[in-house]
Amino acid sequence: MFHRQETLAKTITFGITHMAVAFGVVYLMTGSLALGGAVALIEPLANTVAYFFHEKIWQRVGEKSEPEAVPAGG
């Protein structure tokens, strides 16, 4: 089971990685630092927010799939 701090840490590191990849791809395609920077800020930011909620949904799915505890003795 994930904890809130772990989910937040994963979201932040995912965002940083995504921004670096987005910048690199756009810069290699266009040669523009400005365009690479703009895309690296806008698209990954939106995607990072979506990822956070994606993780929260999967946490709930995991909680629902865990078997319920059976009381001792019956």
PDB file of N, CA and C in Angstrom:
ATOM      1  N   MET A   1       0.845  -1.169   0.000  1.00  0.00           N
ATOM      2  CA  MET A   1       0.000   0.000   0.000  1.00  0.00           C
ATOM      3  C   MET A   1       0.901   1.246   0.000  1.00  0.00           C
ATOM      4  N   PHE A   2       0.516   2.231  -0.771  1.00  0.00           N
ATOM      5  CA  PHE A   2       1.270   3.470  -0.859  1.00  0.00           C
ATOM      6  C   PHE A   2       0.838   4.432   0.238  1.00  0.00           C
ATOM      7  N   HIS A   3       1.765   5.241   0.634  1.00  0.00           N
ATOM      8  CA  HIS A   3       1.467   6.285   1.602  1.00  0.00           C
ATOM      9  C   HIS A   3       1.489   7.627   0.895  1.00  0.00           C
ATOM     10  N   ARG A   4       0.870   8.604   1.486  1.00  0.00           N
ATOM     11  CA  ARG A   4       0.748   9.931   0.871  1.00  0.00           C
ATOM     12  C   ARG A   4       2.108  10.514   0.507  1.00  0.00           C
ATOM     13  N   GLN A   5       3.101  10.425   1.393  1.00  0.00           N
ATOM     14  CA  GLN A   5       4.426  10.994   1.119  1.00  0.00           C
ATOM     15  C   GLN A   5       5.097  10.284  -0.049  1.00  0.00           C
ATOM     16  N   GLU A   6       4.929   8.968  -0.113  1.00  0.00           N
ATOM     17  CA  GLU A   6       5.519   8.211  -1.216  1.00  0.00           C
ATOM     18  C   GLU A   6       4.863   8.600  -2.540  1.00  0.00           C
ATOM     19  N   THR A   7       3.547   8.739  -2.534  1.00  0.00           N
ATOM     20  CA  THR A   7       2.831   9.147  -3.743  1.00  0.00           C
ATOM     21  C   THR A   7       3.288  10.525  -4.187  1.00  0.00           C
ATOM     22  N   LEU A   8       3.448  11.453  -3.253  1.00  0.00           N
ATOM     23  CA  LEU A   8       3.894  12.790  -3.586  1.00  0.00           C
ATOM     24  C   LEU A   8       5.325  12.767  -4.133  1.00  0.00           C
ATOM     25  N   ALA A   9       6.204  11.996  -3.505  1.00  0.00           N
ATOM     26  CA  ALA A   9       7.593  11.894  -3.981  1.00  0.00           C
ATOM     27  C   ALA A   9       7.649  11.301  -5.390  1.00  0.00           C
ATOM     28  N   LYS A  10       6.863  10.268  -5.632  1.00  0.00           N
ATOM     29  CA  LYS A  10       6.819   9.670  -6.971  1.00  0.00           C
ATOM     30  C   LYS A  10       6.286  10.665  -7.989  1.00  0.00           C
ATOM     31  N   THR A  11       5.291  11.442  -7.610  1.00  0.00           N
ATOM     32  CA  THR A  11       4.721  12.437  -8.510  1.00  0.00           C
ATOM     33  C   THR A  11       5.762  13.495  -8.866  1.00  0.00           C
ATOM     34  N   ILE A  12       6.509  13.964  -7.895  1.00  0.00           N
ATOM     35  CA  ILE A  12       7.515  14.998  -8.136  1.00  0.00           C
ATOM     36  C   ILE A  12       8.634  14.471  -9.020  1.00  0.00           C
ATOM     37  N   THR A  13       9.160  13.287  -8.721  1.00  0.00           N
ATOM     38  CA  THR A  13      10.245  12.750  -9.541  1.00  0.00           C
ATOM     39  C   THR A  13       9.765  12.406 -10.948  1.00  0.00           C
ATOM     40  N   PHE A  14       8.524  11.952 -11.069  1.00  0.00           N
ATOM     41  CA  PHE A  14       7.951  11.708 -12.392  1.00  0.00           C
ATOM     42  C   PHE A  14       7.864  13.022 -13.170  1.00  0.00           C
ATOM     43  N   GLY A  15       7.434  14.079 -12.514  1.00  0.00           N
ATOM     44  CA  GLY A  15       7.320  15.377 -13.172  1.00  0.00           C
ATOM     45  C   GLY A  15       8.663  15.891 -13.671  1.00  0.00           C
ATOM     46  N   ILE A  16       9.686  15.776 -12.850  1.00  0.00           N
ATOM     47  CA  ILE A  16      11.033  16.220 -13.240  1.00  0.00           C
ATOM     48  C   ILE A  16      11.531  15.418 -14.437  1.00  0.00           C
ATOM     49  N   THR A  17      11.377  14.109 -14.374  1.00  0.00           N
ATOM     50  CA  THR A  17      11.801  13.257 -15.483  1.00  0.00           C
ATOM     51  C   THR A  17      11.040  13.600 -16.753  1.00  0.00           C
ATOM     52  N   HIS A  18       9.749  13.766 -16.626  1.00  0.00           N
ATOM     53  CA  HIS A  18       8.910  14.074 -17.783  1.00  0.00           C
ATOM     54  C   HIS A  18       9.310  15.409 -18.408  1.00  0.00           C
ATOM     55  N   MET A  19       9.584  16.412 -17.575  1.00  0.00           N
ATOM     56  CA  MET A  19       9.997  17.715 -18.098  1.00  0.00           C
ATOM     57  C   MET A  19      11.308  17.613 -18.866  1.00  0.00           C
ATOM     58  N   ALA A  20      12.255  16.854 -18.339  1.00  0.00           N
ATOM     59  CA  ALA A  20      13.544  16.691 -19.014  1.00  0.00           C
ATOM     60  C   ALA A  20      13.374  15.995 -20.367  1.00  0.00           C
ATOM     61  N   VAL A  21      12.561  14.968 -20.403  1.00  0.00           N
ATOM     62  CA  VAL A  21      12.320  14.249 -21.655  1.00  0.00           C
ATOM     63  C   VAL A  21      11.601  15.151 -22.655  1.00  0.00           C
ATOM     64  N   ALA A  22      10.565  15.861 -22.202  1.00  0.00           N
ATOM     65  CA  ALA A  22       9.818  16.748 -23.095  1.00  0.00           C
ATOM     66  C   ALA A  22      10.726  17.822 -23.673  1.00  0.00           C
ATOM     67  N   PHE A  23      11.550  18.421 -22.828  1.00  0.00           N
ATOM     68  CA  PHE A  23      12.469  19.442 -23.318  1.00  0.00           C
ATOM     69  C   PHE A  23      13.419  18.855 -24.354  1.00  0.00           C
ATOM     70  N   GLY A  24      14.016  17.722 -24.033  1.00  0.00           N
ATOM     71  CA  GLY A  24      14.977  17.102 -24.946  1.00  0.00           C
ATOM     72  C   GLY A  24      14.381  16.766 -26.304  1.00  0.00           C
ATOM     73  N   VAL A  25      13.194  16.189 -26.298  1.00  0.00           N
ATOM     74  CA  VAL A  25      12.544  15.805 -27.553  1.00  0.00           C
ATOM     75  C   VAL A  25      12.221  17.036 -28.398  1.00  0.00           C
ATOM     76  N   VAL A  26      11.606  18.045 -27.780  1.00  0.00           N
ATOM     77  CA  VAL A  26      11.219  19.242 -28.543  1.00  0.00           C
ATOM     78  C   VAL A  26      12.454  20.000 -29.009  1.00  0.00           C
ATOM     79  N   TYR A  27      13.470  20.095 -28.168  1.00  0.00           N
ATOM     80  CA  TYR A  27      14.694  20.784 -28.579  1.00  0.00           C
ATOM     81  C   TYR A  27      15.355  20.066 -29.750  1.00  0.00           C
ATOM     82  N   LEU A  28      15.430  18.746 -29.695  1.00  0.00           N
ATOM     83  CA  LEU A  28      16.034  17.991 -30.802  1.00  0.00           C
ATOM     84  C   LEU A  28      15.216  18.119 -32.086  1.00  0.00           C
ATOM     85  N   MET A  29      13.908  18.215 -31.953  1.00  0.00           N
ATOM     86  CA  MET A  29      13.054  18.332 -33.139  1.00  0.00           C
ATOM     87  C   MET A  29      13.080  19.738 -33.738  1.00  0.00           C
ATOM     88  N   THR A  30      13.227  20.771 -32.895  1.00  0.00           N
ATOM     89  CA  THR A  30      13.085  22.144 -33.388  1.00  0.00           C
ATOM     90  C   THR A  30      14.364  22.966 -33.291  1.00  0.00           C
ATOM     91  N   GLY A  31      15.268  22.596 -32.395  1.00  0.00           N
ATOM     92  CA  GLY A  31      16.463  23.400 -32.158  1.00  0.00           C
ATOM     93  C   GLY A  31      16.173  24.668 -31.370  1.00  0.00           C
ATOM     94  N   SER A  32      14.970  24.794 -30.857  1.00  0.00           N
ATOM     95  CA  SER A  32      14.557  26.007 -30.143  1.00  0.00           C
ATOM     96  C   SER A  32      14.552  25.772 -28.636  1.00  0.00           C
ATOM     97  N   LEU A  33      15.382  26.548 -27.933  1.00  0.00           N
ATOM     98  CA  LEU A  33      15.378  26.471 -26.468  1.00  0.00           C
ATOM     99  C   LEU A  33      14.057  26.999 -25.908  1.00  0.00           C
ATOM    100  N   ALA A  34      13.539  28.065 -26.515  1.00  0.00           N
ATOM    101  CA  ALA A  34      12.291  28.665 -26.031  1.00  0.00           C
ATOM    102  C   ALA A  34      11.123  27.697 -26.179  1.00  0.00           C
ATOM    103  N   LEU A  35      10.992  27.099 -27.340  1.00  0.00           N
ATOM    104  CA  LEU A  35       9.899  26.157 -27.560  1.00  0.00           C
ATOM    105  C   LEU A  35      10.074  24.911 -26.689  1.00  0.00           C
ATOM    106  N   GLY A  36      11.302  24.423 -26.592  1.00  0.00           N
ATOM    107  CA  GLY A  36      11.572  23.271 -25.721  1.00  0.00           C
ATOM    108  C   GLY A  36      11.214  23.569 -24.282  1.00  0.00           C
ATOM    109  N   GLY A  37      11.579  24.773 -23.825  1.00  0.00           N
ATOM    110  CA  GLY A  37      11.260  25.170 -22.456  1.00  0.00           C
ATOM    111  C   GLY A  37       9.773  25.318 -22.211  1.00  0.00           C
ATOM    112  N   ALA A  38       9.073  25.905 -23.181  1.00  0.00           N
ATOM    113  CA  ALA A  38       7.627  26.089 -23.026  1.00  0.00           C
ATOM    114  C   ALA A  38       6.907  24.750 -22.958  1.00  0.00           C
ATOM    115  N   VAL A  39       7.251  23.866 -23.878  1.00  0.00           N
ATOM    116  CA  VAL A  39       6.611  22.549 -23.886  1.00  0.00           C
ATOM    117  C   VAL A  39       6.988  21.776 -22.626  1.00  0.00           C
ATOM    118  N   ALA A  40       8.242  21.901 -22.193  1.00  0.00           N
ATOM    119  CA  ALA A  40       8.705  21.180 -21.004  1.00  0.00           C
ATOM    120  C   ALA A  40       7.996  21.643 -19.743  1.00  0.00           C
ATOM    121  N   LEU A  41       7.450  22.843 -19.735  1.00  0.00           N
ATOM    122  CA  LEU A  41       6.729  23.325 -18.557  1.00  0.00           C
ATOM    123  C   LEU A  41       5.238  23.000 -18.618  1.00  0.00           C
ATOM    124  N   ILE A  42       4.640  23.194 -19.759  1.00  0.00           N
ATOM    125  CA  ILE A  42       3.187  23.083 -19.859  1.00  0.00           C
ATOM    126  C   ILE A  42       2.706  21.633 -19.892  1.00  0.00           C
ATOM    127  N   GLU A  43       3.168  20.857 -20.849  1.00  0.00           N
ATOM    128  CA  GLU A  43       2.652  19.498 -21.020  1.00  0.00           C
ATOM    129  C   GLU A  43       2.978  18.597 -19.836  1.00  0.00           C
ATOM    130  N   PRO A  44       4.223  18.551 -19.359  1.00  0.00           N
ATOM    131  CA  PRO A  44       4.507  17.691 -18.208  1.00  0.00           C
ATOM    132  C   PRO A  44       3.783  18.121 -16.933  1.00  0.00           C
ATOM    133  N   LEU A  45       3.563  19.394 -16.754  1.00  0.00           N
ATOM    134  CA  LEU A  45       2.832  19.850 -15.569  1.00  0.00           C
ATOM    135  C   LEU A  45       1.419  19.273 -15.574  1.00  0.00           C
ATOM    136  N   ALA A  46       0.753  19.379 -16.713  1.00  0.00           N
ATOM    137  CA  ALA A  46      -0.590  18.808 -16.829  1.00  0.00           C
ATOM    138  C   ALA A  46      -0.553  17.293 -16.646  1.00  0.00           C
ATOM    139  N   ASN A  47       0.434  16.643 -17.227  1.00  0.00           N
ATOM    140  CA  ASN A  47       0.557  15.199 -17.123  1.00  0.00           C
ATOM    141  C   ASN A  47       0.879  14.764 -15.695  1.00  0.00           C
ATOM    142  N   THR A  48       1.671  15.544 -14.980  1.00  0.00           N
ATOM    143  CA  THR A  48       2.025  15.213 -13.600  1.00  0.00           C
ATOM    144  C   THR A  48       0.800  15.272 -12.688  1.00  0.00           C
ATOM    145  N   VAL A  49      -0.040  16.258 -12.899  1.00  0.00           N
ATOM    146  CA  VAL A  49      -1.282  16.351 -12.123  1.00  0.00           C
ATOM    147  C   VAL A  49      -2.157  15.128 -12.421  1.00  0.00           C
ATOM    148  N   ALA A  50      -2.252  14.765 -13.693  1.00  0.00           N
ATOM    149  CA  ALA A  50      -3.033  13.581 -14.073  1.00  0.00           C
ATOM    150  C   ALA A  50      -2.449  12.321 -13.438  1.00  0.00           C
ATOM    151  N   TYR A  51      -1.114  12.218 -13.393  1.00  0.00           N
ATOM    152  CA  TYR A  51      -0.451  11.053 -12.795  1.00  0.00           C
ATOM    153  C   TYR A  51      -0.789  10.935 -11.306  1.00  0.00           C
ATOM    154  N   PHE A  52      -0.815  12.051 -10.601  1.00  0.00           N
ATOM    155  CA  PHE A  52      -1.137  12.031  -9.173  1.00  0.00           C
ATOM    156  C   PHE A  52      -2.510  11.392  -8.952  1.00  0.00           C
ATOM    157  N   PHE A  53      -3.494  11.827  -9.739  1.00  0.00           N
ATOM    158  CA  PHE A  53      -4.835  11.268  -9.591  1.00  0.00           C
ATOM    159  C   PHE A  53      -4.895   9.822 -10.075  1.00  0.00           C
ATOM    160  N   HIS A  54      -4.104   9.482 -11.076  1.00  0.00           N
ATOM    161  CA  HIS A  54      -3.989   8.103 -11.545  1.00  0.00           C
ATOM    162  C   HIS A  54      -3.516   7.197 -10.411  1.00  0.00           C
ATOM    163  N   GLU A  55      -2.496   7.640  -9.685  1.00  0.00           N
ATOM    164  CA  GLU A  55      -1.985   6.869  -8.547  1.00  0.00           C
ATOM    165  C   GLU A  55      -3.044   6.718  -7.461  1.00  0.00           C
ATOM    166  N   LYS A  56      -3.790   7.786  -7.180  1.00  0.00           N
ATOM    167  CA  LYS A  56      -4.836   7.727  -6.157  1.00  0.00           C
ATOM    168  C   LYS A  56      -5.913   6.712  -6.530  1.00  0.00           C
ATOM    169  N   ILE A  57      -6.284   6.678  -7.808  1.00  0.00           N
ATOM    170  CA  ILE A  57      -7.278   5.705  -8.275  1.00  0.00           C
ATOM    171  C   ILE A  57      -6.759   4.295  -8.087  1.00  0.00           C
ATOM    172  N   TRP A  58      -5.495   4.051  -8.443  1.00  0.00           N
ATOM    173  CA  TRP A  58      -4.938   2.705  -8.290  1.00  0.00           C
ATOM    174  C   TRP A  58      -4.819   2.315  -6.816  1.00  0.00           C
ATOM    175  N   GLN A  59      -4.592   3.279  -5.942  1.00  0.00           N
ATOM    176  CA  GLN A  59      -4.567   2.974  -4.509  1.00  0.00           C
ATOM    177  C   GLN A  59      -5.931   2.458  -4.067  1.00  0.00           C
ATOM    178  N   ARG A  60      -6.976   3.108  -4.525  1.00  0.00           N
ATOM    179  CA  ARG A  60      -8.333   2.679  -4.162  1.00  0.00           C
ATOM    180  C   ARG A  60      -8.649   1.311  -4.741  1.00  0.00           C
ATOM    181  N   VAL A  61      -8.211   1.055  -5.959  1.00  0.00           N
ATOM    182  CA  VAL A  61      -8.412  -0.266  -6.567  1.00  0.00           C
ATOM    183  C   VAL A  61      -7.709  -1.324  -5.721  1.00  0.00           C
ATOM    184  N   GLY A  62      -6.486  -1.023  -5.287  1.00  0.00           N
ATOM    185  CA  GLY A  62      -5.737  -1.956  -4.452  1.00  0.00           C
ATOM    186  C   GLY A  62      -6.406  -2.207  -3.121  1.00  0.00           C
ATOM    187  N   GLU A  63      -6.961  -1.168  -2.525  1.00  0.00           N
ATOM    188  CA  GLU A  63      -7.647  -1.315  -1.239  1.00  0.00           C
ATOM    189  C   GLU A  63      -8.892  -2.181  -1.383  1.00  0.00           C
ATOM    190  N   LYS A  64      -9.607  -2.040  -2.487  1.00  0.00           N
ATOM    191  CA  LYS A  64     -10.828  -2.825  -2.705  1.00  0.00           C
ATOM    192  C   LYS A  64     -10.511  -4.283  -2.994  1.00  0.00           C
ATOM    193  N   SER A  65      -9.333  -4.557  -3.548  1.00  0.00           N
ATOM    194  CA  SER A  65      -9.004  -5.936  -3.901  1.00  0.00           C
ATOM    195  C   SER A  65      -8.372  -6.712  -2.747  1.00  0.00           C
ATOM    196  N   GLU A  66      -8.013  -6.016  -1.663  1.00  0.00           N
ATOM    197  CA  GLU A  66      -7.448  -6.700  -0.498  1.00  0.00           C
ATOM    198  C   GLU A  66      -8.555  -7.442   0.228  1.00  0.00           C
ATOM    199  N   PRO A  67      -8.290  -8.689   0.619  1.00  0.00           N
ATOM    200  CA  PRO A  67      -9.320  -9.430   1.348  1.00  0.00           C
ATOM    201  C   PRO A  67      -9.590  -8.785   2.703  1.00  0.00           C
ATOM    202  N   GLU A  68     -10.857  -8.829   3.099  1.00  0.00           N
ATOM    203  CA  GLU A  68     -11.223  -8.277   4.401  1.00  0.00           C
ATOM    204  C   GLU A  68     -10.776  -9.224   5.501  1.00  0.00           C
ATOM    205  N   ALA A  69     -10.379  -8.646   6.607  1.00  0.00           N
ATOM    206  CA  ALA A  69      -9.961  -9.455   7.740  1.00  0.00           C
ATOM    207  C   ALA A  69     -11.165 -10.193   8.341  1.00  0.00           C
ATOM    208  N   VAL A  70     -10.947 -11.457   8.658  1.00  0.00           N
ATOM    209  CA  VAL A  70     -11.995 -12.249   9.281  1.00  0.00           C
ATOM    210  C   VAL A  70     -11.738 -12.264  10.777  1.00  0.00           C
ATOM    211  N   PRO A  71     -12.719 -11.893  11.582  1.00  0.00           N
ATOM    212  CA  PRO A  71     -12.517 -11.890  13.037  1.00  0.00           C
ATOM    213  C   PRO A  71     -12.127 -13.280  13.549  1.00  0.00           C
ATOM    214  N   ALA A  72     -11.254 -13.307  14.540  1.00  0.00           N
ATOM    215  CA  ALA A  72     -10.823 -14.578  15.122  1.00  0.00           C
ATOM    216  C   ALA A  72     -12.020 -15.290  15.775  1.00  0.00           C
ATOM    217  N   GLY A  73     -12.102 -16.550  15.539  1.00  0.00           N
ATOM    218  CA  GLY A  73     -13.149 -17.351  16.166  1.00  0.00           C
ATOM    219  C   GLY A  73     -14.483 -17.306  15.421  1.00  0.00           C
ATOM    220  N   GLY A  74     -14.454 -16.801  14.194  1.00  0.00           N
ATOM    221  CA  GLY A  74     -15.711 -16.939  13.510  1.00  0.00           C
ATOM    222  C   GLY A  74     -16.090 -15.842  12.684  1.00  0.00           C
TER     223      GLY A  74
END
